[in-house]
């Protein structure tokens, strides 16, 4: 849904550490890999894929954005990174013993088809894991925009037949439509402690909705946006960091 072209370095400097917030929960659920094959879909800069490798999984990670893969290959040379995107992953049926997608199904054009794509490449009965945002970083940038007197676009929305309710129950129903079985969905909340420079790197680097919005502004509005950001930093910063609360839905299911 969102163009991520060219943002690998900016993502690595900003939201990559935020998205690690689900890592402990996913690693605990998947357990020790003991050499079994795991696919991490939409792997970005590879932090979670590398975490699974440490847990003993034989990891393959796929992402369609070359700048993401370039960072991942540089930072995690022990993991295999390939070009691939949901729903049509470039792997045979039943090829992996676990498949994960961390904050991916909230970005794809067809979530149900993508859930089916994950299940297709998993061995029958093997673990499937996915996360989506319930409370995402966007709320902070909404405050910045309001302070600057700017109105961001509502963003691209899925057609009604592709959309799903962005709640734990709605996420679970969507995954069931996509063929997942025995799926359990839980909420996970955590505080992201981020340096202002890293947070700003996401906007300036064009990452996600806020970055796209910022890059579409003229120079005058960019200055207003930055001034509003600096004001909010002064209000929220403690010991050089900003504490931002986030909540995800974490789904664990099985391939049919």
C-alpha atoms as a PDB file:
ATOM      1  CA  UNK A   1       0.000   0.000   0.000  1.00  0.00           C
ATOM      2  CA  UNK A   2       2.719   2.512   0.894  1.00  0.00           C
ATOM      3  CA  UNK A   3       5.671   3.153  -1.399  1.00  0.00           C
ATOM      4  CA  UNK A   4       8.798   2.205   0.546  1.00  0.00           C
ATOM      5  CA  UNK A   5      11.202   2.848  -2.316  1.00  0.00           C
ATOM      6  CA  UNK A   6      14.588   4.108  -1.220  1.00  0.00           C
ATOM      7  CA  UNK A   7      13.870   4.276   2.531  1.00  0.00           C
ATOM      8  CA  UNK A   8      16.043   1.427   3.809  1.00  0.00           C
ATOM      9  CA  UNK A   9      18.635   3.566   5.575  1.00  0.00           C
ATOM     10  CA  UNK A  10      16.038   5.936   7.052  1.00  0.00           C
ATOM     11  CA  UNK A  11      13.936   3.008   8.280  1.00  0.00           C
ATOM     12  CA  UNK A  12      16.997   1.395   9.869  1.00  0.00           C
ATOM     13  CA  UNK A  13      17.731   4.659  11.704  1.00  0.00           C
ATOM     14  CA  UNK A  14      14.168   5.036  12.993  1.00  0.00           C
ATOM     15  CA  UNK A  15      11.252   2.607  12.950  1.00  0.00           C
ATOM     16  CA  UNK A  16      13.325  -0.568  12.818  1.00  0.00           C
ATOM     17  CA  UNK A  17      13.885  -0.333  16.568  1.00  0.00           C
ATOM     18  CA  UNK A  18      10.180   0.330  17.161  1.00  0.00           C
ATOM     19  CA  UNK A  19       9.119  -2.780  15.254  1.00  0.00           C
ATOM     20  CA  UNK A  20      11.473  -4.858  17.406  1.00  0.00           C
ATOM     21  CA  UNK A  21       8.914  -4.402  20.190  1.00  0.00           C
ATOM     22  CA  UNK A  22       7.163  -7.628  19.195  1.00  0.00           C
ATOM     23  CA  UNK A  23      10.398  -9.614  18.969  1.00  0.00           C
ATOM     24  CA  UNK A  24      10.368 -11.140  22.450  1.00  0.00           C
ATOM     25  CA  UNK A  25       6.755 -12.283  22.146  1.00  0.00           C
ATOM     26  CA  UNK A  26       7.271 -13.824  18.727  1.00  0.00           C
ATOM     27  CA  UNK A  27      10.544 -15.504  19.669  1.00  0.00           C
ATOM     28  CA  UNK A  28       8.980 -16.973  22.813  1.00  0.00           C
ATOM     29  CA  UNK A  29       6.019 -18.344  20.871  1.00  0.00           C
ATOM     30  CA  UNK A  30       8.116 -19.870  18.096  1.00  0.00           C
ATOM     31  CA  UNK A  31      10.652 -21.313  20.524  1.00  0.00           C
ATOM     32  CA  UNK A  32      14.005 -22.812  19.618  1.00  0.00           C
ATOM     33  CA  UNK A  33      14.377 -23.495  15.920  1.00  0.00           C
ATOM     34  CA  UNK A  34      16.815 -26.402  16.174  1.00  0.00           C
ATOM     35  CA  UNK A  35      17.693 -25.942  12.513  1.00  0.00           C
ATOM     36  CA  UNK A  36      14.122 -25.877  11.237  1.00  0.00           C
ATOM     37  CA  UNK A  37      13.275 -23.635   8.281  1.00  0.00           C
ATOM     38  CA  UNK A  38      11.584 -20.274   8.933  1.00  0.00           C
ATOM     39  CA  UNK A  39      10.493 -17.607   6.466  1.00  0.00           C
ATOM     40  CA  UNK A  40      10.215 -13.977   7.622  1.00  0.00           C
ATOM     41  CA  UNK A  41       8.056 -12.098   5.094  1.00  0.00           C
ATOM     42  CA  UNK A  42       8.427  -8.342   4.647  1.00  0.00           C
ATOM     43  CA  UNK A  43      11.632  -8.568   6.635  1.00  0.00           C
ATOM     44  CA  UNK A  44      12.700  -4.938   6.159  1.00  0.00           C
ATOM     45  CA  UNK A  45      16.218  -4.377   7.450  1.00  0.00           C
ATOM     46  CA  UNK A  46      16.392  -7.860   8.925  1.00  0.00           C
ATOM     47  CA  UNK A  47      16.437  -7.300  12.676  1.00  0.00           C
ATOM     48  CA  UNK A  48      13.690  -9.801  13.460  1.00  0.00           C
ATOM     49  CA  UNK A  49      15.022 -12.348  10.978  1.00  0.00           C
ATOM     50  CA  UNK A  50      18.417 -12.157  12.683  1.00  0.00           C
ATOM     51  CA  UNK A  51      16.729 -12.621  16.066  1.00  0.00           C
ATOM     52  CA  UNK A  52      15.119 -15.850  14.847  1.00  0.00           C
ATOM     53  CA  UNK A  53      18.480 -17.066  13.538  1.00  0.00           C
ATOM     54  CA  UNK A  54      19.951 -16.554  17.016  1.00  0.00           C
ATOM     55  CA  UNK A  55      17.127 -18.726  18.338  1.00  0.00           C
ATOM     56  CA  UNK A  56      18.348 -21.558  16.129  1.00  0.00           C
ATOM     57  CA  UNK A  57      16.081 -21.249  13.095  1.00  0.00           C
ATOM     58  CA  UNK A  58      17.397 -21.646   9.558  1.00  0.00           C
ATOM     59  CA  UNK A  59      16.043 -18.317   8.332  1.00  0.00           C
ATOM     60  CA  UNK A  60      15.121 -17.080   4.892  1.00  0.00           C
ATOM     61  CA  UNK A  61      13.882 -13.476   4.775  1.00  0.00           C
ATOM     62  CA  UNK A  62      12.043 -11.835   1.891  1.00  0.00           C
ATOM     63  CA  UNK A  63      11.412  -8.182   1.098  1.00  0.00           C
ATOM     64  CA  UNK A  64      10.652  -6.494  -2.242  1.00  0.00           C
ATOM     65  CA  UNK A  65      12.515  -3.251  -1.476  1.00  0.00           C
ATOM     66  CA  UNK A  66      16.197  -3.386  -2.513  1.00  0.00           C
ATOM     67  CA  UNK A  67      17.340  -0.669  -0.089  1.00  0.00           C
ATOM     68  CA  UNK A  68      15.859  -2.670   2.798  1.00  0.00           C
ATOM     69  CA  UNK A  69      17.672  -5.800   1.632  1.00  0.00           C
ATOM     70  CA  UNK A  70      20.921  -3.870   1.193  1.00  0.00           C
ATOM     71  CA  UNK A  71      20.865  -2.761   4.827  1.00  0.00           C
ATOM     72  CA  UNK A  72      19.818  -6.233   5.974  1.00  0.00           C
ATOM     73  CA  UNK A  73      22.606  -7.983   4.063  1.00  0.00           C
ATOM     74  CA  UNK A  74      25.174  -5.547   5.431  1.00  0.00           C
ATOM     75  CA  UNK A  75      24.014  -5.814   9.038  1.00  0.00           C
ATOM     76  CA  UNK A  76      23.092  -9.521   9.134  1.00  0.00           C
ATOM     77  CA  UNK A  77      25.363 -11.435   6.748  1.00  0.00           C
ATOM     78  CA  UNK A  78      24.424 -14.795   8.263  1.00  0.00           C
ATOM     79  CA  UNK A  79      20.802 -14.576   7.075  1.00  0.00           C
ATOM     80  CA  UNK A  80      19.579 -15.291   3.556  1.00  0.00           C
ATOM     81  CA  UNK A  81      17.652 -12.316   2.122  1.00  0.00           C
ATOM     82  CA  UNK A  82      15.702 -12.620  -1.126  1.00  0.00           C
ATOM     83  CA  UNK A  83      13.450 -10.465  -3.298  1.00  0.00           C
ATOM     84  CA  UNK A  84       9.853 -11.472  -2.638  1.00  0.00           C
ATOM     85  CA  UNK A  85       6.498 -10.025  -1.646  1.00  0.00           C
ATOM     86  CA  UNK A  86       3.060 -11.194  -0.621  1.00  0.00           C
ATOM     87  CA  UNK A  87       0.836 -12.671  -1.805  1.00  0.00           C
ATOM     88  CA  UNK A  88       2.878 -14.402  -4.518  1.00  0.00           C
ATOM     89  CA  UNK A  89       5.981 -15.471  -2.621  1.00  0.00           C
ATOM     90  CA  UNK A  90       8.744 -17.060  -4.739  1.00  0.00           C
ATOM     91  CA  UNK A  91       8.809 -20.350  -2.813  1.00  0.00           C
ATOM     92  CA  UNK A  92       7.267 -23.796  -3.319  1.00  0.00           C
ATOM     93  CA  UNK A  93       4.211 -24.967  -1.429  1.00  0.00           C
ATOM     94  CA  UNK A  94       4.846 -26.296   2.099  1.00  0.00           C
ATOM     95  CA  UNK A  95       8.494 -25.198   2.074  1.00  0.00           C
ATOM     96  CA  UNK A  96       8.854 -23.802   5.632  1.00  0.00           C
ATOM     97  CA  UNK A  97       8.227 -24.978   9.173  1.00  0.00           C
ATOM     98  CA  UNK A  98       7.239 -21.493  10.372  1.00  0.00           C
ATOM     99  CA  UNK A  99       6.280 -18.264   8.578  1.00  0.00           C
ATOM    100  CA  UNK A 100       6.215 -14.791  10.142  1.00  0.00           C
ATOM    101  CA  UNK A 101       5.149 -11.317   8.991  1.00  0.00           C
ATOM    102  CA  UNK A 102       5.805  -8.455  11.423  1.00  0.00           C
ATOM    103  CA  UNK A 103       3.760  -5.320  10.613  1.00  0.00           C
ATOM    104  CA  UNK A 104       3.256  -6.402   7.022  1.00  0.00           C
ATOM    105  CA  UNK A 105      -0.411  -7.362   6.639  1.00  0.00           C
ATOM    106  CA  UNK A 106      -1.415  -3.788   7.556  1.00  0.00           C
ATOM    107  CA  UNK A 107       0.373  -2.548   4.403  1.00  0.00           C
ATOM    108  CA  UNK A 108      -0.611  -5.023   1.682  1.00  0.00           C
ATOM    109  CA  UNK A 109      -3.264  -4.474  -1.000  1.00  0.00           C
ATOM    110  CA  UNK A 110      -5.089  -7.742  -0.241  1.00  0.00           C
ATOM    111  CA  UNK A 111      -4.664  -8.929   3.365  1.00  0.00           C
ATOM    112  CA  UNK A 112      -6.630 -12.170   2.925  1.00  0.00           C
ATOM    113  CA  UNK A 113      -4.713 -13.173  -0.181  1.00  0.00           C
ATOM    114  CA  UNK A 114      -1.499 -12.358   1.677  1.00  0.00           C
ATOM    115  CA  UNK A 115      -2.547 -14.511   4.643  1.00  0.00           C
ATOM    116  CA  UNK A 116      -3.209 -17.333   2.174  1.00  0.00           C
ATOM    117  CA  UNK A 117       0.202 -16.733   0.632  1.00  0.00           C
ATOM    118  CA  UNK A 118       1.844 -17.208   4.015  1.00  0.00           C
ATOM    119  CA  UNK A 119      -0.119 -20.405   4.650  1.00  0.00           C
ATOM    120  CA  UNK A 120       0.696 -21.777   1.203  1.00  0.00           C
ATOM    121  CA  UNK A 121       4.448 -21.855   1.777  1.00  0.00           C
ATOM    122  CA  UNK A 122       4.112 -23.322   5.294  1.00  0.00           C
ATOM    123  CA  UNK A 123       4.049 -27.025   6.027  1.00  0.00           C
ATOM    124  CA  UNK A 124       0.610 -28.270   7.144  1.00  0.00           C
ATOM    125  CA  UNK A 125       0.127 -27.674  10.848  1.00  0.00           C
ATOM    126  CA  UNK A 126       3.180 -25.438  11.167  1.00  0.00           C
ATOM    127  CA  UNK A 127       3.210 -22.108  12.975  1.00  0.00           C
ATOM    128  CA  UNK A 128       2.138 -18.850  11.354  1.00  0.00           C
ATOM    129  CA  UNK A 129       2.685 -15.512  13.102  1.00  0.00           C
ATOM    130  CA  UNK A 130       1.718 -11.978  12.107  1.00  0.00           C
ATOM    131  CA  UNK A 131       1.336  -8.566  13.709  1.00  0.00           C
ATOM    132  CA  UNK A 132      -0.478  -5.353  12.852  1.00  0.00           C
ATOM    133  CA  UNK A 133      -0.677  -1.964  14.531  1.00  0.00           C
ATOM    134  CA  UNK A 134      -3.596  -1.102  16.775  1.00  0.00           C
ATOM    135  CA  UNK A 135      -1.949   2.128  17.949  1.00  0.00           C
ATOM    136  CA  UNK A 136       0.807   3.085  15.562  1.00  0.00           C
ATOM    137  CA  UNK A 137       3.415   5.873  15.324  1.00  0.00           C
ATOM    138  CA  UNK A 138       0.980   7.913  13.239  1.00  0.00           C
ATOM    139  CA  UNK A 139      -0.669   9.510  16.277  1.00  0.00           C
ATOM    140  CA  UNK A 140       2.490  11.466  17.125  1.00  0.00           C
ATOM    141  CA  UNK A 141       2.702  12.865  13.603  1.00  0.00           C
ATOM    142  CA  UNK A 142      -0.974  13.812  13.671  1.00  0.00           C
ATOM    143  CA  UNK A 143      -0.128  15.985  16.675  1.00  0.00           C
ATOM    144  CA  UNK A 144       2.820  17.507  14.816  1.00  0.00           C
ATOM    145  CA  UNK A 145       0.630  18.294  11.792  1.00  0.00           C
ATOM    146  CA  UNK A 146      -2.070  19.848  13.945  1.00  0.00           C
ATOM    147  CA  UNK A 147       0.491  22.007  15.762  1.00  0.00           C
ATOM    148  CA  UNK A 148       1.828  23.128  12.377  1.00  0.00           C
ATOM    149  CA  UNK A 149      -1.647  23.923  11.062  1.00  0.00           C
ATOM    150  CA  UNK A 150      -1.328  21.285   8.348  1.00  0.00           C
ATOM    151  CA  UNK A 151      -3.830  18.613   7.374  1.00  0.00           C
ATOM    152  CA  UNK A 152      -2.374  15.294   6.251  1.00  0.00           C
ATOM    153  CA  UNK A 153      -4.320  13.245   3.753  1.00  0.00           C
ATOM    154  CA  UNK A 154      -6.439  10.414   5.080  1.00  0.00           C
ATOM    155  CA  UNK A 155      -4.165   8.018   3.227  1.00  0.00           C
ATOM    156  CA  UNK A 156      -4.979   5.315   0.759  1.00  0.00           C
ATOM    157  CA  UNK A 157      -7.714   2.993   1.996  1.00  0.00           C
ATOM    158  CA  UNK A 158      -8.474  -0.553   0.986  1.00  0.00           C
ATOM    159  CA  UNK A 159     -11.635  -1.305  -1.000  1.00  0.00           C
ATOM    160  CA  UNK A 160     -14.479  -2.512   1.187  1.00  0.00           C
ATOM    161  CA  UNK A 161     -14.086  -6.121   0.048  1.00  0.00           C
ATOM    162  CA  UNK A 162     -10.386  -6.103   1.030  1.00  0.00           C
ATOM    163  CA  UNK A 163     -10.570  -4.161   4.301  1.00  0.00           C
ATOM    164  CA  UNK A 164     -10.821  -5.726   7.750  1.00  0.00           C
ATOM    165  CA  UNK A 165     -11.575  -4.414  11.224  1.00  0.00           C
ATOM    166  CA  UNK A 166      -8.342  -3.273  12.854  1.00  0.00           C
ATOM    167  CA  UNK A 167      -9.026  -4.931  16.201  1.00  0.00           C
ATOM    168  CA  UNK A 168      -7.735  -8.240  17.597  1.00  0.00           C
ATOM    169  CA  UNK A 169     -11.048  -9.919  16.775  1.00  0.00           C
ATOM    170  CA  UNK A 170     -11.166  -8.397  13.292  1.00  0.00           C
ATOM    171  CA  UNK A 171      -7.593  -9.417  12.623  1.00  0.00           C
ATOM    172  CA  UNK A 172      -8.389 -12.975  13.668  1.00  0.00           C
ATOM    173  CA  UNK A 173     -11.438 -13.135  11.397  1.00  0.00           C
ATOM    174  CA  UNK A 174      -9.413 -11.866   8.449  1.00  0.00           C
ATOM    175  CA  UNK A 175      -6.726 -14.506   9.015  1.00  0.00           C
ATOM    176  CA  UNK A 176      -9.388 -17.207   9.233  1.00  0.00           C
ATOM    177  CA  UNK A 177     -10.718 -15.990   5.873  1.00  0.00           C
ATOM    178  CA  UNK A 178      -7.152 -16.390   4.630  1.00  0.00           C
ATOM    179  CA  UNK A 179      -7.062 -20.035   5.665  1.00  0.00           C
ATOM    180  CA  UNK A 180      -5.301 -19.850   9.037  1.00  0.00           C
ATOM    181  CA  UNK A 181      -6.569 -22.305  11.650  1.00  0.00           C
ATOM    182  CA  UNK A 182      -6.464 -22.373  15.463  1.00  0.00           C
ATOM    183  CA  UNK A 183      -5.517 -18.695  15.504  1.00  0.00           C
ATOM    184  CA  UNK A 184      -5.142 -16.771  18.744  1.00  0.00           C
ATOM    185  CA  UNK A 185      -4.781 -12.980  18.734  1.00  0.00           C
ATOM    186  CA  UNK A 186      -3.546 -10.950  21.708  1.00  0.00           C
ATOM    187  CA  UNK A 187      -2.794  -7.280  22.297  1.00  0.00           C
ATOM    188  CA  UNK A 188       0.768  -6.259  23.125  1.00  0.00           C
ATOM    189  CA  UNK A 189       1.653  -2.770  24.354  1.00  0.00           C
ATOM    190  CA  UNK A 190       5.083  -1.293  24.978  1.00  0.00           C
ATOM    191  CA  UNK A 191       6.876   2.018  25.256  1.00  0.00           C
ATOM    192  CA  UNK A 192       9.269   3.010  22.508  1.00  0.00           C
ATOM    193  CA  UNK A 193      12.029   5.200  23.920  1.00  0.00           C
ATOM    194  CA  UNK A 194      13.413   7.054  20.926  1.00  0.00           C
ATOM    195  CA  UNK A 195      15.914   9.847  20.440  1.00  0.00           C
ATOM    196  CA  UNK A 196      14.400  12.879  18.668  1.00  0.00           C
ATOM    197  CA  UNK A 197      16.996  12.614  15.896  1.00  0.00           C
ATOM    198  CA  UNK A 198      15.926   9.063  15.139  1.00  0.00           C
ATOM    199  CA  UNK A 199      12.269  10.012  15.131  1.00  0.00           C
ATOM    200  CA  UNK A 200      12.943  12.908  12.788  1.00  0.00           C
ATOM    201  CA  UNK A 201      14.928  10.608  10.491  1.00  0.00           C
ATOM    202  CA  UNK A 202      11.725   8.714   9.724  1.00  0.00           C
ATOM    203  CA  UNK A 203       9.928  11.833   8.502  1.00  0.00           C
ATOM    204  CA  UNK A 204      12.862  13.375   6.655  1.00  0.00           C
ATOM    205  CA  UNK A 205      13.704   9.998   5.125  1.00  0.00           C
ATOM    206  CA  UNK A 206      10.228   9.453   3.718  1.00  0.00           C
ATOM    207  CA  UNK A 207       9.302   6.486   5.931  1.00  0.00           C
ATOM    208  CA  UNK A 208       5.614   5.491   6.175  1.00  0.00           C
ATOM    209  CA  UNK A 209       2.700   7.933   6.043  1.00  0.00           C
ATOM    210  CA  UNK A 210       4.380  10.773   7.934  1.00  0.00           C
ATOM    211  CA  UNK A 211       7.443  10.619   5.718  1.00  0.00           C
ATOM    212  CA  UNK A 212       5.370  10.641   2.554  1.00  0.00           C
ATOM    213  CA  UNK A 213       3.380  13.597   3.872  1.00  0.00           C
ATOM    214  CA  UNK A 214       6.512  15.532   4.800  1.00  0.00           C
ATOM    215  CA  UNK A 215       8.154  14.893   1.432  1.00  0.00           C
ATOM    216  CA  UNK A 216       5.054  16.220  -0.312  1.00  0.00           C
ATOM    217  CA  UNK A 217       5.223  19.597   1.461  1.00  0.00           C
ATOM    218  CA  UNK A 218       6.741  22.741   0.009  1.00  0.00           C
ATOM    219  CA  UNK A 219       9.689  24.353   1.784  1.00  0.00           C
ATOM    220  CA  UNK A 220       7.567  26.736   3.818  1.00  0.00           C
ATOM    221  CA  UNK A 221       5.317  23.991   5.132  1.00  0.00           C
ATOM    222  CA  UNK A 222       8.330  21.791   5.839  1.00  0.00           C
ATOM    223  CA  UNK A 223       9.713  24.513   8.087  1.00  0.00           C
ATOM    224  CA  UNK A 224       6.377  24.740   9.919  1.00  0.00           C
ATOM    225  CA  UNK A 225       6.292  20.962  10.297  1.00  0.00           C
ATOM    226  CA  UNK A 226       9.827  20.888  11.691  1.00  0.00           C
ATOM    227  CA  UNK A 227       9.107  23.761  14.086  1.00  0.00           C
ATOM    228  CA  UNK A 228       6.035  21.934  15.398  1.00  0.00           C
ATOM    229  CA  UNK A 229       8.084  18.767  15.808  1.00  0.00           C
ATOM    230  CA  UNK A 230      10.719  20.660  17.817  1.00  0.00           C
ATOM    231  CA  UNK A 231       8.035  22.162  20.061  1.00  0.00           C
ATOM    232  CA  UNK A 232       6.564  18.732  20.830  1.00  0.00           C
ATOM    233  CA  UNK A 233      10.016  17.328  21.519  1.00  0.00           C
ATOM    234  CA  UNK A 234      10.611  20.026  24.136  1.00  0.00           C
ATOM    235  CA  UNK A 235       7.285  19.138  25.774  1.00  0.00           C
ATOM    236  CA  UNK A 236       7.817  15.360  25.774  1.00  0.00           C
ATOM    237  CA  UNK A 237      11.578  14.797  25.975  1.00  0.00           C
ATOM    238  CA  UNK A 238      13.043  13.305  29.161  1.00  0.00           C
ATOM    239  CA  UNK A 239      16.773  12.624  29.496  1.00  0.00           C
ATOM    240  CA  UNK A 240      17.224  13.013  25.760  1.00  0.00           C
ATOM    241  CA  UNK A 241      14.514  10.516  24.811  1.00  0.00           C
ATOM    242  CA  UNK A 242      10.814  10.569  23.940  1.00  0.00           C
ATOM    243  CA  UNK A 243       8.596   7.830  25.372  1.00  0.00           C
ATOM    244  CA  UNK A 244       5.848   6.798  22.933  1.00  0.00           C
ATOM    245  CA  UNK A 245       3.225   4.161  23.731  1.00  0.00           C
ATOM    246  CA  UNK A 246       2.323   1.646  21.035  1.00  0.00           C
ATOM    247  CA  UNK A 247      -0.011  -1.342  20.790  1.00  0.00           C
ATOM    248  CA  UNK A 248       0.017  -4.238  18.361  1.00  0.00           C
ATOM    249  CA  UNK A 249      -2.203  -7.218  17.674  1.00  0.00           C
ATOM    250  CA  UNK A 250      -0.085 -10.396  17.672  1.00  0.00           C
ATOM    251  CA  UNK A 251      -1.623 -13.395  15.924  1.00  0.00           C
ATOM    252  CA  UNK A 252      -0.375 -16.967  16.209  1.00  0.00           C
ATOM    253  CA  UNK A 253      -2.024 -19.644  14.096  1.00  0.00           C
ATOM    254  CA  UNK A 254      -1.430 -22.798  12.118  1.00  0.00           C
ATOM    255  CA  UNK A 255      -1.239 -23.605   8.436  1.00  0.00           C
ATOM    256  CA  UNK A 256      -4.076 -25.877   7.263  1.00  0.00           C
END
